[in-house]
Amino acid sequence: MTVETWHESLAWQLGVTRESSRELVRRSRALIEENHRLLDENYRLRQQRASIVGSTPAHR
């Protein structure tokens, strides 16, 4: 393998690694957004449950 071939191979591998890294970043961001959405939904549901439980005569 010549130095030029080796450099081309490294450049190609770097390109593949960069694209893979970008895809992982995109997927991570999507998962973080979904997690925040689920946490918000969970918070709202807990508030609703607390208001329902707090207004029933058995819990007064």
PDB file of N, CA and C in Angstrom:
ATOM      1  N   MET A   1       0.855  -1.182   0.000  1.00  0.00           N
ATOM      2  CA  MET A   1       0.000   0.000   0.000  1.00  0.00           C
ATOM      3  C   MET A   1       0.895   1.238   0.000  1.00  0.00           C
ATOM      4  N   THR A   2       0.605   2.136  -0.918  1.00  0.00           N
ATOM      5  CA  THR A   2       1.383   3.366  -0.989  1.00  0.00           C
ATOM      6  C   THR A   2       0.862   4.363   0.031  1.00  0.00           C
ATOM      7  N   VAL A   3       1.658   5.375   0.273  1.00  0.00           N
ATOM      8  CA  VAL A   3       1.244   6.426   1.211  1.00  0.00           C
ATOM      9  C   VAL A   3      -0.018   7.110   0.702  1.00  0.00           C
ATOM     10  N   GLU A   4      -0.082   7.335  -0.597  1.00  0.00           N
ATOM     11  CA  GLU A   4      -1.263   7.997  -1.174  1.00  0.00           C
ATOM     12  C   GLU A   4      -2.515   7.132  -0.982  1.00  0.00           C
ATOM     13  N   THR A   5      -2.393   5.856  -1.230  1.00  0.00           N
ATOM     14  CA  THR A   5      -3.524   4.939  -1.025  1.00  0.00           C
ATOM     15  C   THR A   5      -3.937   4.913   0.435  1.00  0.00           C
ATOM     16  N   TRP A   6      -2.946   4.895   1.308  1.00  0.00           N
ATOM     17  CA  TRP A   6      -3.223   4.888   2.735  1.00  0.00           C
ATOM     18  C   TRP A   6      -3.958   6.165   3.146  1.00  0.00           C
ATOM     19  N   HIS A   7      -3.525   7.313   2.631  1.00  0.00           N
ATOM     20  CA  HIS A   7      -4.185   8.583   2.930  1.00  0.00           C
ATOM     21  C   HIS A   7      -5.615   8.587   2.417  1.00  0.00           C
ATOM     22  N   GLU A   8      -5.821   8.069   1.209  1.00  0.00           N
ATOM     23  CA  GLU A   8      -7.177   8.000   0.652  1.00  0.00           C
ATOM     24  C   GLU A   8      -8.076   7.110   1.504  1.00  0.00           C
ATOM     25  N   SER A   9      -7.519   6.014   1.951  1.00  0.00           N
ATOM     26  CA  SER A   9      -8.273   5.103   2.814  1.00  0.00           C
ATOM     27  C   SER A   9      -8.637   5.778   4.130  1.00  0.00           C
ATOM     28  N   LEU A  10      -7.692   6.484   4.718  1.00  0.00           N
ATOM     29  CA  LEU A  10      -7.969   7.201   5.973  1.00  0.00           C
ATOM     30  C   LEU A  10      -9.010   8.293   5.762  1.00  0.00           C
ATOM     31  N   ALA A  11      -8.906   9.009   4.647  1.00  0.00           N
ATOM     32  CA  ALA A  11      -9.875  10.066   4.348  1.00  0.00           C
ATOM     33  C   ALA A  11     -11.282   9.468   4.207  1.00  0.00           C
ATOM     34  N   TRP A  12     -11.385   8.319   3.526  1.00  0.00           N
ATOM     35  CA  TRP A  12     -12.677   7.670   3.363  1.00  0.00           C
ATOM     36  C   TRP A  12     -13.225   7.234   4.715  1.00  0.00           C
ATOM     37  N   GLN A  13     -12.379   6.616   5.551  1.00  0.00           N
ATOM     38  CA  GLN A  13     -12.801   6.174   6.876  1.00  0.00           C
ATOM     39  C   GLN A  13     -13.243   7.347   7.737  1.00  0.00           C
ATOM     40  N   LEU A  14     -12.541   8.459   7.618  1.00  0.00           N
ATOM     41  CA  LEU A  14     -12.914   9.660   8.369  1.00  0.00           C
ATOM     42  C   LEU A  14     -14.289  10.160   7.932  1.00  0.00           C
ATOM     43  N   GLY A  15     -14.534  10.142   6.638  1.00  0.00           N
ATOM     44  CA  GLY A  15     -15.844  10.556   6.127  1.00  0.00           C
ATOM     45  C   GLY A  15     -16.960   9.673   6.652  1.00  0.00           C
ATOM     46  N   VAL A  16     -16.723   8.363   6.657  1.00  0.00           N
ATOM     47  CA  VAL A  16     -17.715   7.422   7.176  1.00  0.00           C
ATOM     48  C   VAL A  16     -17.945   7.665   8.664  1.00  0.00           C
ATOM     49  N   THR A  17     -16.867   7.867   9.399  1.00  0.00           N
ATOM     50  CA  THR A  17     -16.966   8.107  10.838  1.00  0.00           C
ATOM     51  C   THR A  17     -17.714   9.400  11.124  1.00  0.00           C
ATOM     52  N   ARG A  18     -17.452  10.437  10.367  1.00  0.00           N
ATOM     53  CA  ARG A  18     -18.156  11.717  10.556  1.00  0.00           C
ATOM     54  C   ARG A  18     -19.644  11.566  10.300  1.00  0.00           C
ATOM     55  N   GLU A  19     -20.004  10.861   9.230  1.00  0.00           N
ATOM     56  CA  GLU A  19     -21.423  10.668   8.925  1.00  0.00           C
ATOM     57  C   GLU A  19     -22.102   9.848  10.008  1.00  0.00           C
ATOM     58  N   SER A  20     -21.418   8.828  10.476  1.00  0.00           N
ATOM     59  CA  SER A  20     -21.956   8.014  11.561  1.00  0.00           C
ATOM     60  C   SER A  20     -22.146   8.862  12.819  1.00  0.00           C
ATOM     61  N   SER A  21     -21.182   9.717  13.093  1.00  0.00           N
ATOM     62  CA  SER A  21     -21.265  10.598  14.253  1.00  0.00           C
ATOM     63  C   SER A  21     -22.442  11.562  14.119  1.00  0.00           C
ATOM     64  N   ARG A  22     -22.628  12.111  12.935  1.00  0.00           N
ATOM     65  CA  ARG A  22     -23.764  13.026  12.706  1.00  0.00           C
ATOM     66  C   ARG A  22     -25.088  12.316  12.923  1.00  0.00           C
ATOM     67  N   GLU A  23     -25.176  11.079  12.435  1.00  0.00           N
ATOM     68  CA  GLU A  23     -26.404  10.307  12.608  1.00  0.00           C
ATOM     69  C   GLU A  23     -26.658  10.026  14.083  1.00  0.00           C
ATOM     70  N   LEU A  24     -25.623   9.699  14.826  1.00  0.00           N
ATOM     71  CA  LEU A  24     -25.784   9.468  16.268  1.00  0.00           C
ATOM     72  C   LEU A  24     -26.236  10.735  16.989  1.00  0.00           C
ATOM     73  N   VAL A  25     -25.710  11.872  16.583  1.00  0.00           N
ATOM     74  CA  VAL A  25     -26.120  13.145  17.185  1.00  0.00           C
ATOM     75  C   VAL A  25     -27.595  13.406  16.879  1.00  0.00           C
ATOM     76  N   ARG A  26     -28.011  13.182  15.630  1.00  0.00           N
ATOM     77  CA  ARG A  26     -29.427  13.382  15.265  1.00  0.00           C
ATOM     78  C   ARG A  26     -30.333  12.462  16.074  1.00  0.00           C
ATOM     79  N   ARG A  27     -29.952  11.205  16.185  1.00  0.00           N
ATOM     80  CA  ARG A  27     -30.762  10.256  16.938  1.00  0.00           C
ATOM     81  C   ARG A  27     -30.804  10.612  18.419  1.00  0.00           C
ATOM     82  N   SER A  28     -29.680  11.045  18.958  1.00  0.00           N
ATOM     83  CA  SER A  28     -29.631  11.443  20.371  1.00  0.00           C
ATOM     84  C   SER A  28     -30.542  12.630  20.632  1.00  0.00           C
ATOM     85  N   ARG A  29     -30.491  13.612  19.757  1.00  0.00           N
ATOM     86  CA  ARG A  29     -31.358  14.790  19.918  1.00  0.00           C
ATOM     87  C   ARG A  29     -32.830  14.412  19.842  1.00  0.00           C
ATOM     88  N   ALA A  30     -33.173  13.519  18.922  1.00  0.00           N
ATOM     89  CA  ALA A  30     -34.561  13.075  18.800  1.00  0.00           C
ATOM     90  C   ALA A  30     -35.002  12.347  20.070  1.00  0.00           C
ATOM     91  N   LEU A  31     -34.129  11.513  20.621  1.00  0.00           N
ATOM     92  CA  LEU A  31     -34.460  10.799  21.852  1.00  0.00           C
ATOM     93  C   LEU A  31     -34.601  11.748  23.036  1.00  0.00           C
ATOM     94  N   ILE A  32     -33.754  12.757  23.092  1.00  0.00           N
ATOM     95  CA  ILE A  32     -33.843  13.746  24.171  1.00  0.00           C
ATOM     96  C   ILE A  32     -35.163  14.509  24.073  1.00  0.00           C
ATOM     97  N   GLU A  33     -35.535  14.913  22.854  1.00  0.00           N
ATOM     98  CA  GLU A  33     -36.809  15.615  22.660  1.00  0.00           C
ATOM     99  C   GLU A  33     -37.988  14.735  23.061  1.00  0.00           C
ATOM    100  N   GLU A  34     -37.952  13.466  22.669  1.00  0.00           N
ATOM    101  CA  GLU A  34     -39.023  12.539  23.039  1.00  0.00           C
ATOM    102  C   GLU A  34     -39.069  12.355  24.553  1.00  0.00           C
ATOM    103  N   ASN A  35     -37.931  12.248  25.190  1.00  0.00           N
ATOM    104  CA  ASN A  35     -37.879  12.114  26.636  1.00  0.00           C
ATOM    105  C   ASN A  35     -38.493  13.337  27.318  1.00  0.00           C
ATOM    106  N   HIS A  36     -38.171  14.527  26.847  1.00  0.00           N
ATOM    107  CA  HIS A  36     -38.749  15.751  27.426  1.00  0.00           C
ATOM    108  C   HIS A  36     -40.258  15.774  27.239  1.00  0.00           C
ATOM    109  N   ARG A  37     -40.719  15.342  26.061  1.00  0.00           N
ATOM    110  CA  ARG A  37     -42.163  15.318  25.794  1.00  0.00           C
ATOM    111  C   ARG A  37     -42.847  14.354  26.768  1.00  0.00           C
ATOM    112  N   LEU A  38     -42.248  13.182  26.969  1.00  0.00           N
ATOM    113  CA  LEU A  38     -42.834  12.205  27.885  1.00  0.00           C
ATOM    114  C   LEU A  38     -42.798  12.688  29.337  1.00  0.00           C
ATOM    115  N   LEU A  39     -41.738  13.351  29.719  1.00  0.00           N
ATOM    116  CA  LEU A  39     -41.676  13.909  31.079  1.00  0.00           C
ATOM    117  C   LEU A  39     -42.763  14.966  31.283  1.00  0.00           C
ATOM    118  N   ASP A  40     -42.960  15.825  30.284  1.00  0.00           N
ATOM    119  CA  ASP A  40     -44.021  16.838  30.373  1.00  0.00           C
ATOM    120  C   ASP A  40     -45.401  16.186  30.475  1.00  0.00           C
ATOM    121  N   GLU A  41     -45.620  15.158  29.655  1.00  0.00           N
ATOM    122  CA  GLU A  41     -46.897  14.450  29.689  1.00  0.00           C
ATOM    123  C   GLU A  41     -47.099  13.776  31.040  1.00  0.00           C
ATOM    124  N   ASN A  42     -46.068  13.155  31.565  1.00  0.00           N
ATOM    125  CA  ASN A  42     -46.140  12.517  32.874  1.00  0.00           C
ATOM    126  C   ASN A  42     -46.479  13.546  33.959  1.00  0.00           C
ATOM    127  N   TYR A  43     -45.850  14.705  33.891  1.00  0.00           N
ATOM    128  CA  TYR A  43     -46.113  15.758  34.878  1.00  0.00           C
ATOM    129  C   TYR A  43     -47.588  16.196  34.824  1.00  0.00           C
ATOM    130  N   ARG A  44     -48.093  16.403  33.604  1.00  0.00           N
ATOM    131  CA  ARG A  44     -49.499  16.809  33.442  1.00  0.00           C
ATOM    132  C   ARG A  44     -50.451  15.733  33.972  1.00  0.00           C
ATOM    133  N   LEU A  45     -50.150  14.485  33.671  1.00  0.00           N
ATOM    134  CA  LEU A  45     -51.011  13.399  34.153  1.00  0.00           C
ATOM    135  C   LEU A  45     -50.981  13.291  35.674  1.00  0.00           C
ATOM    136  N   ARG A  46     -49.828  13.500  36.276  1.00  0.00           N
ATOM    137  CA  ARG A  46     -49.744  13.470  37.740  1.00  0.00           C
ATOM    138  C   ARG A  46     -50.555  14.620  38.357  1.00  0.00           C
ATOM    139  N   GLN A  47     -50.496  15.788  37.707  1.00  0.00           N
ATOM    140  CA  GLN A  47     -51.291  16.914  38.202  1.00  0.00           C
ATOM    141  C   GLN A  47     -52.782  16.604  38.102  1.00  0.00           C
ATOM    142  N   GLN A  48     -53.179  16.031  36.975  1.00  0.00           N
ATOM    143  CA  GLN A  48     -54.592  15.668  36.801  1.00  0.00           C
ATOM    144  C   GLN A  48     -55.015  14.657  37.858  1.00  0.00           C
ATOM    145  N   ARG A  49     -54.182  13.644  38.071  1.00  0.00           N
ATOM    146  CA  ARG A  49     -54.510  12.618  39.062  1.00  0.00           C
ATOM    147  C   ARG A  49     -54.610  13.235  40.457  1.00  0.00           C
ATOM    148  N   ALA A  50     -53.691  14.122  40.775  1.00  0.00           N
ATOM    149  CA  ALA A  50     -53.713  14.757  42.095  1.00  0.00           C
ATOM    150  C   ALA A  50     -54.974  15.591  42.274  1.00  0.00           C
ATOM    151  N   SER A  51     -55.402  16.278  41.220  1.00  0.00           N
ATOM    152  CA  SER A  51     -56.616  17.099  41.345  1.00  0.00           C
ATOM    153  C   SER A  51     -57.851  16.218  41.464  1.00  0.00           C
ATOM    154  N   ILE A  52     -57.848  15.067  40.805  1.00  0.00           N
ATOM    155  CA  ILE A  52     -58.990  14.147  40.905  1.00  0.00           C
ATOM    156  C   ILE A  52     -59.018  13.486  42.274  1.00  0.00           C
ATOM    157  N   VAL A  53     -57.897  12.970  42.719  1.00  0.00           N
ATOM    158  CA  VAL A  53     -57.819  12.299  44.017  1.00  0.00           C
ATOM    159  C   VAL A  53     -58.100  13.290  45.139  1.00  0.00           C
ATOM    160  N   GLY A  54     -57.580  14.508  45.003  1.00  0.00           N
ATOM    161  CA  GLY A  54     -57.780  15.516  46.030  1.00  0.00           C
ATOM    162  C   GLY A  54     -59.196  16.000  46.141  1.00  0.00           C
ATOM    163  N   SER A  55     -60.026  15.801  45.111  1.00  0.00           N
ATOM    164  CA  SER A  55     -61.401  16.300  45.139  1.00  0.00           C
ATOM    165  C   SER A  55     -62.425  15.226  45.490  1.00  0.00           C
ATOM    166  N   THR A  56     -61.977  13.980  45.680  1.00  0.00           N
ATOM    167  CA  THR A  56     -62.920  12.920  46.041  1.00  0.00           C
ATOM    168  C   THR A  56     -63.213  12.967  47.532  1.00  0.00           C
ATOM    169  N   PRO A  57     -64.458  12.712  47.941  1.00  0.00           N
ATOM    170  CA  PRO A  57     -64.820  12.779  49.365  1.00  0.00           C
ATOM    171  C   PRO A  57     -64.017  11.817  50.241  1.00  0.00           C
ATOM    172  N   ALA A  58     -63.600  10.685  49.728  1.00  0.00           N
ATOM    173  CA  ALA A  58     -62.869   9.711  50.555  1.00  0.00           C
ATOM    174  C   ALA A  58     -61.499  10.224  50.958  1.00  0.00           C
ATOM    175  N   HIS A  59     -60.966  11.183  50.259  1.00  0.00           N
ATOM    176  CA  HIS A  59     -59.626  11.684  50.557  1.00  0.00           C
ATOM    177  C   HIS A  59     -59.629  13.052  51.244  1.00  0.00           C
ATOM    178  N   ARG A  60     -60.779  13.495  51.649  1.00  0.00           N
ATOM    179  CA  ARG A  60     -60.843  14.814  52.315  1.00  0.00           C
ATOM    180  C   ARG A  60     -60.695  14.710  53.793  1.00  0.00           C
TER     181      ARG A  60
END
